[in-house]
Amino acid sequence: MTEPIVTHGPAGGEGDGANAVEIRKLWTVFKSPGREQVVHRDLDLTIRRGEVLSLVGGSGTGKTVLLRQILGLEKPTRGEVSVFGEAPAALSAAGAAKVGMLFQRGALFSAFNVLDNIAFALRELKVLPDALIRDAAMVRLQMVGLKPEHAWKMPSALSGGMIKRVALARALIMDAPLLLLDEPTAGLDPEGADEFCDLLRGLHRELGLTVVMVTHDLDTLFDLSTRIAVLADQKVIVTGTAEEVIAYPHPFIQQYFQGGRGQRAAQALHAPPAAPAPTGR
């Protein structure tokens, strides 16, 4: 069997300017009394500027932990994480604008209305007049497909899909070139998930974003990913296009991608578009 052309660890032939994130020899160890749990061991990963890279893996492989380490919310036990050439922990208030994150359940502030949730990070900088902050937040609100009248609603009055859109607008308020997505379509019905994928695809193209996504939804994975990185055996075992990854010989990949759900999602990706419905006279 011929192995596919894939990336195992660092991509070769690229200068630092071609990469948004560099992760080298990363270890993540969680310690409790009398026990150590190694989640990542000598993990290497390169995320290229402008791509949509999806992280997949079984439960406990540390996908969301890796997102939090890129964001700087958690520190690896050892190893290096570089975001646009800087360590996440060293990012200044201005540098922190390089990364935005959409948390799995939105994580909106329940005491703030929609507009104040979106504007929160800009207000915390305390350098812009409030009128300008409100205008910027309103632009992001409409950028994610919500109407101006939604600005004054409280999170408790929003549907699940609207919460996702508000959280996405908040992640975009600082014009961050790197966007982290944790299960972006979780909890959405199929139509809502398709609409959110269309929104993400359009924003990725129009804003030139680099996107790192964790998802268990195979339709979302195949729909959006430029490349897929598979976490297993405490490291990234393979990185490549969907076709390259699916062809890689590993028990987890065979189970995950070549089961019934995986095959149906892959077939839908390559299916020709449906013919338009006939119109009545």
C-alpha atoms as a PDB file:
ATOM      1  CA  MET A   1       0.000   0.000   0.000  1.00  0.00           C
ATOM      2  CA  THR A   2       1.370   3.398  -0.980  1.00  0.00           C
ATOM      3  CA  GLU A   3       1.131   6.046   1.727  1.00  0.00           C
ATOM      4  CA  PRO A   4      -0.550   9.334   0.798  1.00  0.00           C
ATOM      5  CA  ILE A   5       1.421  12.542   0.590  1.00  0.00           C
ATOM      6  CA  VAL A   6       0.768  13.995   4.014  1.00  0.00           C
ATOM      7  CA  THR A   7       2.456  16.111   6.625  1.00  0.00           C
ATOM      8  CA  HIS A   8       3.791  14.311   9.695  1.00  0.00           C
ATOM      9  CA  GLY A   9       4.757  17.135  12.048  1.00  0.00           C
ATOM     10  CA  PRO A  10       6.341  20.349  10.720  1.00  0.00           C
ATOM     11  CA  ALA A  11       5.680  21.290   7.128  1.00  0.00           C
ATOM     12  CA  GLY A  12       8.846  21.622   5.110  1.00  0.00           C
ATOM     13  CA  GLY A  13       9.898  24.317   2.703  1.00  0.00           C
ATOM     14  CA  GLU A  14       7.995  27.153   4.355  1.00  0.00           C
ATOM     15  CA  GLY A  15       9.345  30.225   6.010  1.00  0.00           C
ATOM     16  CA  ASP A  16       7.908  31.441   9.288  1.00  0.00           C
ATOM     17  CA  GLY A  17       5.843  34.013   7.419  1.00  0.00           C
ATOM     18  CA  ALA A  18       3.819  31.257   5.762  1.00  0.00           C
ATOM     19  CA  ASN A  19       2.637  29.862   9.100  1.00  0.00           C
ATOM     20  CA  ALA A  20       0.162  31.242  11.604  1.00  0.00           C
ATOM     21  CA  VAL A  21       0.871  28.731  14.374  1.00  0.00           C
ATOM     22  CA  GLU A  22       3.904  26.561  15.098  1.00  0.00           C
ATOM     23  CA  ILE A  23       3.718  23.863  17.791  1.00  0.00           C
ATOM     24  CA  ARG A  24       6.886  21.947  18.565  1.00  0.00           C
ATOM     25  CA  LYS A  25       7.570  19.017  20.918  1.00  0.00           C
ATOM     26  CA  LEU A  26       4.530  19.884  23.043  1.00  0.00           C
ATOM     27  CA  TRP A  27       3.718  17.879  26.158  1.00  0.00           C
ATOM     28  CA  THR A  28       0.509  18.226  28.168  1.00  0.00           C
ATOM     29  CA  VAL A  29       0.471  16.375  31.487  1.00  0.00           C
ATOM     30  CA  PHE A  30      -2.366  16.616  34.006  1.00  0.00           C
ATOM     31  CA  LYS A  31      -1.285  15.716  37.534  1.00  0.00           C
ATOM     32  CA  SER A  32      -3.437  14.526  40.405  1.00  0.00           C
ATOM     33  CA  PRO A  33      -2.445  12.841  43.701  1.00  0.00           C
ATOM     34  CA  GLY A  34      -0.614   9.641  42.823  1.00  0.00           C
ATOM     35  CA  ARG A  35      -1.343   9.892  39.096  1.00  0.00           C
ATOM     36  CA  GLU A  36      -0.128  11.609  35.934  1.00  0.00           C
ATOM     37  CA  GLN A  37      -2.161  11.680  32.734  1.00  0.00           C
ATOM     38  CA  VAL A  38      -0.155  12.401  29.583  1.00  0.00           C
ATOM     39  CA  VAL A  39      -2.480  13.910  26.965  1.00  0.00           C
ATOM     40  CA  HIS A  40       0.110  15.147  24.450  1.00  0.00           C
ATOM     41  CA  ARG A  41       3.609  13.746  23.993  1.00  0.00           C
ATOM     42  CA  ASP A  42       6.078  15.433  21.612  1.00  0.00           C
ATOM     43  CA  LEU A  43       3.207  16.839  19.543  1.00  0.00           C
ATOM     44  CA  ASP A  44       4.145  18.817  16.425  1.00  0.00           C
ATOM     45  CA  LEU A  45       1.732  20.846  14.305  1.00  0.00           C
ATOM     46  CA  THR A  46       2.026  23.624  11.745  1.00  0.00           C
ATOM     47  CA  ILE A  47      -0.995  25.759  10.816  1.00  0.00           C
ATOM     48  CA  ARG A  48      -0.560  27.709   7.604  1.00  0.00           C
ATOM     49  CA  ARG A  49      -1.813  31.239   7.108  1.00  0.00           C
ATOM     50  CA  GLY A  50      -5.180  31.393   5.382  1.00  0.00           C
ATOM     51  CA  GLU A  51      -6.199  27.759   5.775  1.00  0.00           C
ATOM     52  CA  VAL A  52      -9.060  26.107   7.646  1.00  0.00           C
ATOM     53  CA  LEU A  53      -7.426  23.368   9.699  1.00  0.00           C
ATOM     54  CA  SER A  54      -9.680  20.977  11.613  1.00  0.00           C
ATOM     55  CA  LEU A  55      -8.579  18.971  14.640  1.00  0.00           C
ATOM     56  CA  VAL A  56     -10.218  15.579  15.065  1.00  0.00           C
ATOM     57  CA  GLY A  57      -9.582  12.786  17.511  1.00  0.00           C
ATOM     58  CA  GLY A  58     -11.209  10.543  20.041  1.00  0.00           C
ATOM     59  CA  SER A  59     -12.424  11.615  23.455  1.00  0.00           C
ATOM     60  CA  GLY A  60      -9.565  12.656  25.719  1.00  0.00           C
ATOM     61  CA  THR A  61      -7.058  13.382  22.963  1.00  0.00           C
ATOM     62  CA  GLY A  62      -6.829  17.041  24.011  1.00  0.00           C
ATOM     63  CA  LYS A  63      -8.335  18.845  21.026  1.00  0.00           C
ATOM     64  CA  THR A  64      -9.929  21.672  23.015  1.00  0.00           C
ATOM     65  CA  VAL A  65      -6.898  21.773  25.325  1.00  0.00           C
ATOM     66  CA  LEU A  66      -4.769  22.459  22.253  1.00  0.00           C
ATOM     67  CA  LEU A  67      -7.059  25.349  21.246  1.00  0.00           C
ATOM     68  CA  ARG A  68      -6.762  26.813  24.738  1.00  0.00           C
ATOM     69  CA  GLN A  69      -2.972  26.544  24.571  1.00  0.00           C
ATOM     70  CA  ILE A  70      -2.923  28.390  21.238  1.00  0.00           C
ATOM     71  CA  LEU A  71      -5.131  31.066  22.793  1.00  0.00           C
ATOM     72  CA  GLY A  72      -2.880  31.279  25.871  1.00  0.00           C
ATOM     73  CA  LEU A  73      -5.540  30.212  28.377  1.00  0.00           C
ATOM     74  CA  GLU A  74      -3.505  27.132  29.298  1.00  0.00           C
ATOM     75  CA  LYS A  75       0.234  26.530  29.312  1.00  0.00           C
ATOM     76  CA  PRO A  76       1.702  23.240  28.073  1.00  0.00           C
ATOM     77  CA  THR A  77       3.868  21.234  30.448  1.00  0.00           C
ATOM     78  CA  ARG A  78       6.747  21.711  28.037  1.00  0.00           C
ATOM     79  CA  GLY A  79       7.354  22.449  24.382  1.00  0.00           C
ATOM     80  CA  GLU A  80       6.773  25.548  22.272  1.00  0.00           C
ATOM     81  CA  VAL A  81       3.669  27.247  20.894  1.00  0.00           C
ATOM     82  CA  SER A  82       4.181  30.216  18.571  1.00  0.00           C
ATOM     83  CA  VAL A  83       1.321  32.352  17.233  1.00  0.00           C
ATOM     84  CA  PHE A  84       2.457  34.658  14.421  1.00  0.00           C
ATOM     85  CA  GLY A  85       5.959  34.396  15.853  1.00  0.00           C
ATOM     86  CA  GLU A  86       5.032  35.128  19.474  1.00  0.00           C
ATOM     87  CA  ALA A  87       4.408  32.951  22.508  1.00  0.00           C
ATOM     88  CA  PRO A  88       0.713  33.180  23.491  1.00  0.00           C
ATOM     89  CA  ALA A  89       1.584  34.107  27.090  1.00  0.00           C
ATOM     90  CA  ALA A  90       3.743  36.985  25.857  1.00  0.00           C
ATOM     91  CA  LEU A  91       1.040  38.616  23.761  1.00  0.00           C
ATOM     92  CA  SER A  92       0.322  42.178  24.844  1.00  0.00           C
ATOM     93  CA  ALA A  93      -3.172  43.660  24.879  1.00  0.00           C
ATOM     94  CA  ALA A  94      -2.612  44.718  21.285  1.00  0.00           C
ATOM     95  CA  GLY A  95      -1.104  41.353  20.376  1.00  0.00           C
ATOM     96  CA  ALA A  96      -4.049  39.487  21.868  1.00  0.00           C
ATOM     97  CA  ALA A  97      -6.101  40.883  19.006  1.00  0.00           C
ATOM     98  CA  LYS A  98      -4.343  38.348  16.800  1.00  0.00           C
ATOM     99  CA  VAL A  99      -6.609  35.539  18.053  1.00  0.00           C
ATOM    100  CA  GLY A 100     -10.379  35.320  18.404  1.00  0.00           C
ATOM    101  CA  MET A 101     -12.279  32.316  19.773  1.00  0.00           C
ATOM    102  CA  LEU A 102     -15.784  30.955  19.423  1.00  0.00           C
ATOM    103  CA  PHE A 103     -16.423  28.796  22.481  1.00  0.00           C
ATOM    104  CA  GLN A 104     -18.594  25.704  22.162  1.00  0.00           C
ATOM    105  CA  ARG A 105     -21.678  27.090  23.928  1.00  0.00           C
ATOM    106  CA  GLY A 106     -21.064  30.711  22.995  1.00  0.00           C
ATOM    107  CA  ALA A 107     -20.076  31.792  26.536  1.00  0.00           C
ATOM    108  CA  LEU A 108     -22.026  35.048  26.277  1.00  0.00           C
ATOM    109  CA  PHE A 109     -22.293  37.276  29.342  1.00  0.00           C
ATOM    110  CA  SER A 110     -25.854  36.740  30.556  1.00  0.00           C
ATOM    111  CA  ALA A 111     -26.084  40.228  32.131  1.00  0.00           C
ATOM    112  CA  PHE A 112     -25.113  42.038  28.877  1.00  0.00           C
ATOM    113  CA  ASN A 113     -27.253  42.563  25.824  1.00  0.00           C
ATOM    114  CA  VAL A 114     -26.097  41.422  22.391  1.00  0.00           C
ATOM    115  CA  LEU A 115     -24.336  44.660  21.458  1.00  0.00           C
ATOM    116  CA  ASP A 116     -22.482  44.879  24.782  1.00  0.00           C
ATOM    117  CA  ASN A 117     -21.368  41.257  24.456  1.00  0.00           C
ATOM    118  CA  ILE A 118     -19.914  41.952  21.022  1.00  0.00           C
ATOM    119  CA  ALA A 119     -18.271  45.201  22.137  1.00  0.00           C
ATOM    120  CA  PHE A 120     -16.787  43.823  25.366  1.00  0.00           C
ATOM    121  CA  ALA A 121     -13.162  43.356  24.235  1.00  0.00           C
ATOM    122  CA  LEU A 122     -12.985  46.786  22.585  1.00  0.00           C
ATOM    123  CA  ARG A 123     -14.399  48.460  25.694  1.00  0.00           C
ATOM    124  CA  GLU A 124     -11.838  46.706  27.879  1.00  0.00           C
ATOM    125  CA  LEU A 125      -9.030  48.403  25.917  1.00  0.00           C
ATOM    126  CA  LYS A 126     -10.347  51.831  27.048  1.00  0.00           C
ATOM    127  CA  VAL A 127      -8.832  53.626  24.063  1.00  0.00           C
ATOM    128  CA  LEU A 128     -11.825  54.267  21.761  1.00  0.00           C
ATOM    129  CA  PRO A 129     -14.866  56.506  22.214  1.00  0.00           C
ATOM    130  CA  ASP A 130     -18.040  54.615  23.035  1.00  0.00           C
ATOM    131  CA  ALA A 131     -19.837  55.759  19.898  1.00  0.00           C
ATOM    132  CA  LEU A 132     -17.099  54.256  17.728  1.00  0.00           C
ATOM    133  CA  ILE A 133     -17.204  51.015  19.729  1.00  0.00           C
ATOM    134  CA  ARG A 134     -20.974  50.759  19.238  1.00  0.00           C
ATOM    135  CA  ASP A 135     -20.594  51.334  15.501  1.00  0.00           C
ATOM    136  CA  ALA A 136     -17.917  48.632  15.241  1.00  0.00           C
ATOM    137  CA  ALA A 137     -20.085  46.191  17.193  1.00  0.00           C
ATOM    138  CA  MET A 138     -23.081  46.941  14.988  1.00  0.00           C
ATOM    139  CA  VAL A 139     -20.997  46.248  11.875  1.00  0.00           C
ATOM    140  CA  ARG A 140     -19.954  42.842  13.276  1.00  0.00           C
ATOM    141  CA  LEU A 141     -23.566  42.111  14.217  1.00  0.00           C
ATOM    142  CA  GLN A 142     -24.686  42.561  10.637  1.00  0.00           C
ATOM    143  CA  MET A 143     -21.575  40.781   9.321  1.00  0.00           C
ATOM    144  CA  VAL A 144     -22.783  37.558  10.969  1.00  0.00           C
ATOM    145  CA  GLY A 145     -26.267  37.886   9.507  1.00  0.00           C
ATOM    146  CA  LEU A 146     -28.185  39.447  12.411  1.00  0.00           C
ATOM    147  CA  LYS A 147     -30.390  42.525  12.181  1.00  0.00           C
ATOM    148  CA  PRO A 148     -29.818  45.807  14.049  1.00  0.00           C
ATOM    149  CA  GLU A 149     -32.918  45.218  16.207  1.00  0.00           C
ATOM    150  CA  HIS A 150     -31.226  42.122  17.671  1.00  0.00           C
ATOM    151  CA  ALA A 151     -28.584  44.370  19.282  1.00  0.00           C
ATOM    152  CA  TRP A 152     -30.727  45.094  22.306  1.00  0.00           C
ATOM    153  CA  LYS A 153     -31.832  41.533  23.074  1.00  0.00           C
ATOM    154  CA  MET A 154     -30.510  39.623  26.056  1.00  0.00           C
ATOM    155  CA  PRO A 155     -28.835  36.219  25.582  1.00  0.00           C
ATOM    156  CA  SER A 156     -31.777  34.475  27.263  1.00  0.00           C
ATOM    157  CA  ALA A 157     -34.006  35.660  24.397  1.00  0.00           C
ATOM    158  CA  LEU A 158     -31.807  34.184  21.655  1.00  0.00           C
ATOM    159  CA  SER A 159     -32.039  30.876  19.842  1.00  0.00           C
ATOM    160  CA  GLY A 160     -29.049  28.541  19.773  1.00  0.00           C
ATOM    161  CA  GLY A 161     -28.141  29.645  16.266  1.00  0.00           C
ATOM    162  CA  MET A 162     -28.319  33.321  17.216  1.00  0.00           C
ATOM    163  CA  ILE A 163     -26.081  32.727  20.249  1.00  0.00           C
ATOM    164  CA  LYS A 164     -23.481  31.178  17.939  1.00  0.00           C
ATOM    165  CA  ARG A 165     -23.652  34.192  15.627  1.00  0.00           C
ATOM    166  CA  VAL A 166     -23.316  36.719  18.465  1.00  0.00           C
ATOM    167  CA  ALA A 167     -20.342  34.787  19.859  1.00  0.00           C
ATOM    168  CA  LEU A 168     -18.777  34.774  16.392  1.00  0.00           C
ATOM    169  CA  ALA A 169     -19.279  38.538  16.067  1.00  0.00           C
ATOM    170  CA  ARG A 170     -17.568  38.996  19.441  1.00  0.00           C
ATOM    171  CA  ALA A 171     -14.645  36.839  18.252  1.00  0.00           C
ATOM    172  CA  LEU A 172     -14.289  39.083  15.190  1.00  0.00           C
ATOM    173  CA  ILE A 173     -14.557  42.471  16.947  1.00  0.00           C
ATOM    174  CA  MET A 174     -10.770  42.903  17.265  1.00  0.00           C
ATOM    175  CA  ASP A 175     -10.107  42.014  13.585  1.00  0.00           C
ATOM    176  CA  ALA A 176      -8.061  39.014  14.677  1.00  0.00           C
ATOM    177  CA  PRO A 177      -6.487  37.179  11.715  1.00  0.00           C
ATOM    178  CA  LEU A 178      -6.653  33.827  13.573  1.00  0.00           C
ATOM    179  CA  LEU A 179     -10.044  32.390  14.543  1.00  0.00           C
ATOM    180  CA  LEU A 180     -10.422  29.354  16.829  1.00  0.00           C
ATOM    181  CA  LEU A 181     -13.706  27.417  16.690  1.00  0.00           C
ATOM    182  CA  ASP A 182     -14.719  24.837  19.296  1.00  0.00           C
ATOM    183  CA  GLU A 183     -17.572  22.686  17.923  1.00  0.00           C
ATOM    184  CA  PRO A 184     -19.094  25.575  15.927  1.00  0.00           C
ATOM    185  CA  THR A 185     -22.182  23.647  14.745  1.00  0.00           C
ATOM    186  CA  ALA A 186     -22.843  21.623  17.918  1.00  0.00           C
ATOM    187  CA  GLY A 187     -26.475  21.874  18.990  1.00  0.00           C
ATOM    188  CA  LEU A 188     -27.715  23.239  15.656  1.00  0.00           C
ATOM    189  CA  ASP A 189     -30.261  21.472  13.488  1.00  0.00           C
ATOM    190  CA  PRO A 190     -29.083  20.418   9.989  1.00  0.00           C
ATOM    191  CA  GLU A 191     -30.421  23.563   8.316  1.00  0.00           C
ATOM    192  CA  GLY A 192     -28.894  25.804  10.971  1.00  0.00           C
ATOM    193  CA  ALA A 193     -25.565  23.979  10.721  1.00  0.00           C
ATOM    194  CA  ASP A 194     -25.520  24.398   6.933  1.00  0.00           C
ATOM    195  CA  GLU A 195     -26.278  28.117   7.254  1.00  0.00           C
ATOM    196  CA  PHE A 196     -23.531  28.573   9.858  1.00  0.00           C
ATOM    197  CA  CYS A 197     -21.035  26.738   7.637  1.00  0.00           C
ATOM    198  CA  ASP A 198     -21.978  29.036   4.747  1.00  0.00           C
ATOM    199  CA  LEU A 199     -21.404  32.044   7.024  1.00  0.00           C
ATOM    200  CA  LEU A 200     -18.006  30.776   8.166  1.00  0.00           C
ATOM    201  CA  ARG A 201     -16.956  29.994   4.605  1.00  0.00           C
ATOM    202  CA  GLY A 202     -17.874  33.490   3.455  1.00  0.00           C
ATOM    203  CA  LEU A 203     -16.082  35.197   6.349  1.00  0.00           C
ATOM    204  CA  HIS A 204     -12.985  33.060   5.833  1.00  0.00           C
ATOM    205  CA  ARG A 205     -12.851  34.112   2.196  1.00  0.00           C
ATOM    206  CA  GLU A 206     -13.738  37.789   2.641  1.00  0.00           C
ATOM    207  CA  LEU A 207     -11.561  38.487   5.690  1.00  0.00           C
ATOM    208  CA  GLY A 208      -8.625  36.248   4.774  1.00  0.00           C
ATOM    209  CA  LEU A 209      -8.842  34.444   8.113  1.00  0.00           C
ATOM    210  CA  THR A 210      -6.809  31.526   9.350  1.00  0.00           C
ATOM    211  CA  VAL A 211      -9.235  29.146  11.073  1.00  0.00           C
ATOM    212  CA  VAL A 212      -8.529  26.304  13.501  1.00  0.00           C
ATOM    213  CA  MET A 213     -11.606  24.216  14.227  1.00  0.00           C
ATOM    214  CA  VAL A 214     -12.468  21.347  16.547  1.00  0.00           C
ATOM    215  CA  THR A 215     -15.545  19.450  15.393  1.00  0.00           C
ATOM    216  CA  HIS A 216     -17.138  16.025  15.721  1.00  0.00           C
ATOM    217  CA  ASP A 217     -19.609  16.820  12.952  1.00  0.00           C
ATOM    218  CA  LEU A 218     -18.427  15.080   9.804  1.00  0.00           C
ATOM    219  CA  ASP A 219     -20.552  17.224   7.492  1.00  0.00           C
ATOM    220  CA  THR A 220     -18.983  20.385   8.936  1.00  0.00           C
ATOM    221  CA  LEU A 221     -15.537  18.801   8.771  1.00  0.00           C
ATOM    222  CA  PHE A 222     -15.753  17.924   5.081  1.00  0.00           C
ATOM    223  CA  ASP A 223     -17.587  21.125   4.201  1.00  0.00           C
ATOM    224  CA  LEU A 224     -15.067  23.611   5.610  1.00  0.00           C
ATOM    225  CA  SER A 225     -11.650  22.019   6.051  1.00  0.00           C
ATOM    226  CA  THR A 226      -8.647  22.867   3.919  1.00  0.00           C
ATOM    227  CA  ARG A 227      -6.660  20.294   5.890  1.00  0.00           C
ATOM    228  CA  ILE A 228      -7.394  17.893   8.740  1.00  0.00           C
ATOM    229  CA  ALA A 229      -5.044  17.040  11.623  1.00  0.00           C
ATOM    230  CA  VAL A 230      -5.773  13.787  13.453  1.00  0.00           C
ATOM    231  CA  LEU A 231      -4.883  13.451  17.142  1.00  0.00           C
ATOM    232  CA  ALA A 232      -4.223   9.910  18.353  1.00  0.00           C
ATOM    233  CA  ASP A 233      -1.520   8.139  20.343  1.00  0.00           C
ATOM    234  CA  GLN A 234      -0.864  11.444  22.201  1.00  0.00           C
ATOM    235  CA  LYS A 235       0.272  13.297  19.072  1.00  0.00           C
ATOM    236  CA  VAL A 236      -0.787  14.449  15.609  1.00  0.00           C
ATOM    237  CA  ILE A 237      -0.452  11.257  13.582  1.00  0.00           C
ATOM    238  CA  VAL A 238      -1.254  12.756  10.175  1.00  0.00           C
ATOM    239  CA  THR A 239      -2.143  16.086   8.568  1.00  0.00           C
ATOM    240  CA  GLY A 240      -3.524  16.448   5.058  1.00  0.00           C
ATOM    241  CA  THR A 241      -6.562  16.927   2.897  1.00  0.00           C
ATOM    242  CA  ALA A 242      -9.649  14.859   3.650  1.00  0.00           C
ATOM    243  CA  GLU A 243      -8.745  12.387   0.911  1.00  0.00           C
ATOM    244  CA  GLU A 244      -5.165  12.044   2.172  1.00  0.00           C
ATOM    245  CA  VAL A 245      -6.194  11.575   5.783  1.00  0.00           C
ATOM    246  CA  ILE A 246      -8.890   9.010   5.002  1.00  0.00           C
ATOM    247  CA  ALA A 247      -6.311   6.922   3.107  1.00  0.00           C
ATOM    248  CA  TYR A 248      -3.867   6.907   6.030  1.00  0.00           C
ATOM    249  CA  PRO A 249      -3.649   3.463   7.684  1.00  0.00           C
ATOM    250  CA  HIS A 250      -4.567   3.819  11.362  1.00  0.00           C
ATOM    251  CA  PRO A 251      -7.323   2.089  13.377  1.00  0.00           C
ATOM    252  CA  PHE A 252      -8.878   5.360  14.605  1.00  0.00           C
ATOM    253  CA  ILE A 253      -9.055   6.797  11.079  1.00  0.00           C
ATOM    254  CA  GLN A 254     -10.625   3.632   9.727  1.00  0.00           C
ATOM    255  CA  GLN A 255     -13.252   3.688  12.484  1.00  0.00           C
ATOM    256  CA  TYR A 256     -13.908   7.432  12.327  1.00  0.00           C
ATOM    257  CA  PHE A 257     -13.942   8.102   8.592  1.00  0.00           C
ATOM    258  CA  GLN A 258     -14.780   4.762   7.029  1.00  0.00           C
ATOM    259  CA  GLY A 259     -17.843   3.921   9.109  1.00  0.00           C
ATOM    260  CA  GLY A 260     -21.337   4.547   7.809  1.00  0.00           C
ATOM    261  CA  ARG A 261     -21.552   8.214   8.903  1.00  0.00           C
ATOM    262  CA  GLY A 262     -18.123   9.039   7.565  1.00  0.00           C
ATOM    263  CA  GLN A 263     -18.812   7.462   4.182  1.00  0.00           C
ATOM    264  CA  ARG A 264     -22.157   9.242   3.838  1.00  0.00           C
ATOM    265  CA  ALA A 265     -20.587  12.611   4.686  1.00  0.00           C
ATOM    266  CA  ALA A 266     -17.735  12.040   2.211  1.00  0.00           C
ATOM    267  CA  GLN A 267     -20.170  11.011  -0.528  1.00  0.00           C
ATOM    268  CA  ALA A 268     -22.277  14.124   0.091  1.00  0.00           C
ATOM    269  CA  LEU A 269     -19.154  16.268  -0.283  1.00  0.00           C
ATOM    270  CA  HIS A 270     -18.507  14.927  -3.788  1.00  0.00           C
ATOM    271  CA  ALA A 271     -22.138  14.611  -4.892  1.00  0.00           C
ATOM    272  CA  PRO A 272     -23.222  16.874  -7.789  1.00  0.00           C
ATOM    273  CA  PRO A 273     -25.504  19.757  -6.804  1.00  0.00           C
ATOM    274  CA  ALA A 274     -29.201  18.975  -6.859  1.00  0.00           C
ATOM    275  CA  ALA A 275     -31.166  20.154  -9.874  1.00  0.00           C
ATOM    276  CA  PRO A 276     -33.359  23.191  -9.151  1.00  0.00           C
ATOM    277  CA  ALA A 277     -36.977  22.439  -8.415  1.00  0.00           C
ATOM    278  CA  PRO A 278     -39.353  23.149 -11.304  1.00  0.00           C
ATOM    279  CA  THR A 279     -41.262  26.382 -11.039  1.00  0.00           C
ATOM    280  CA  GLY A 280     -44.998  26.575 -11.565  1.00  0.00           C
ATOM    281  CA  ARG A 281     -46.644  28.851 -14.042  1.00  0.00           C
END
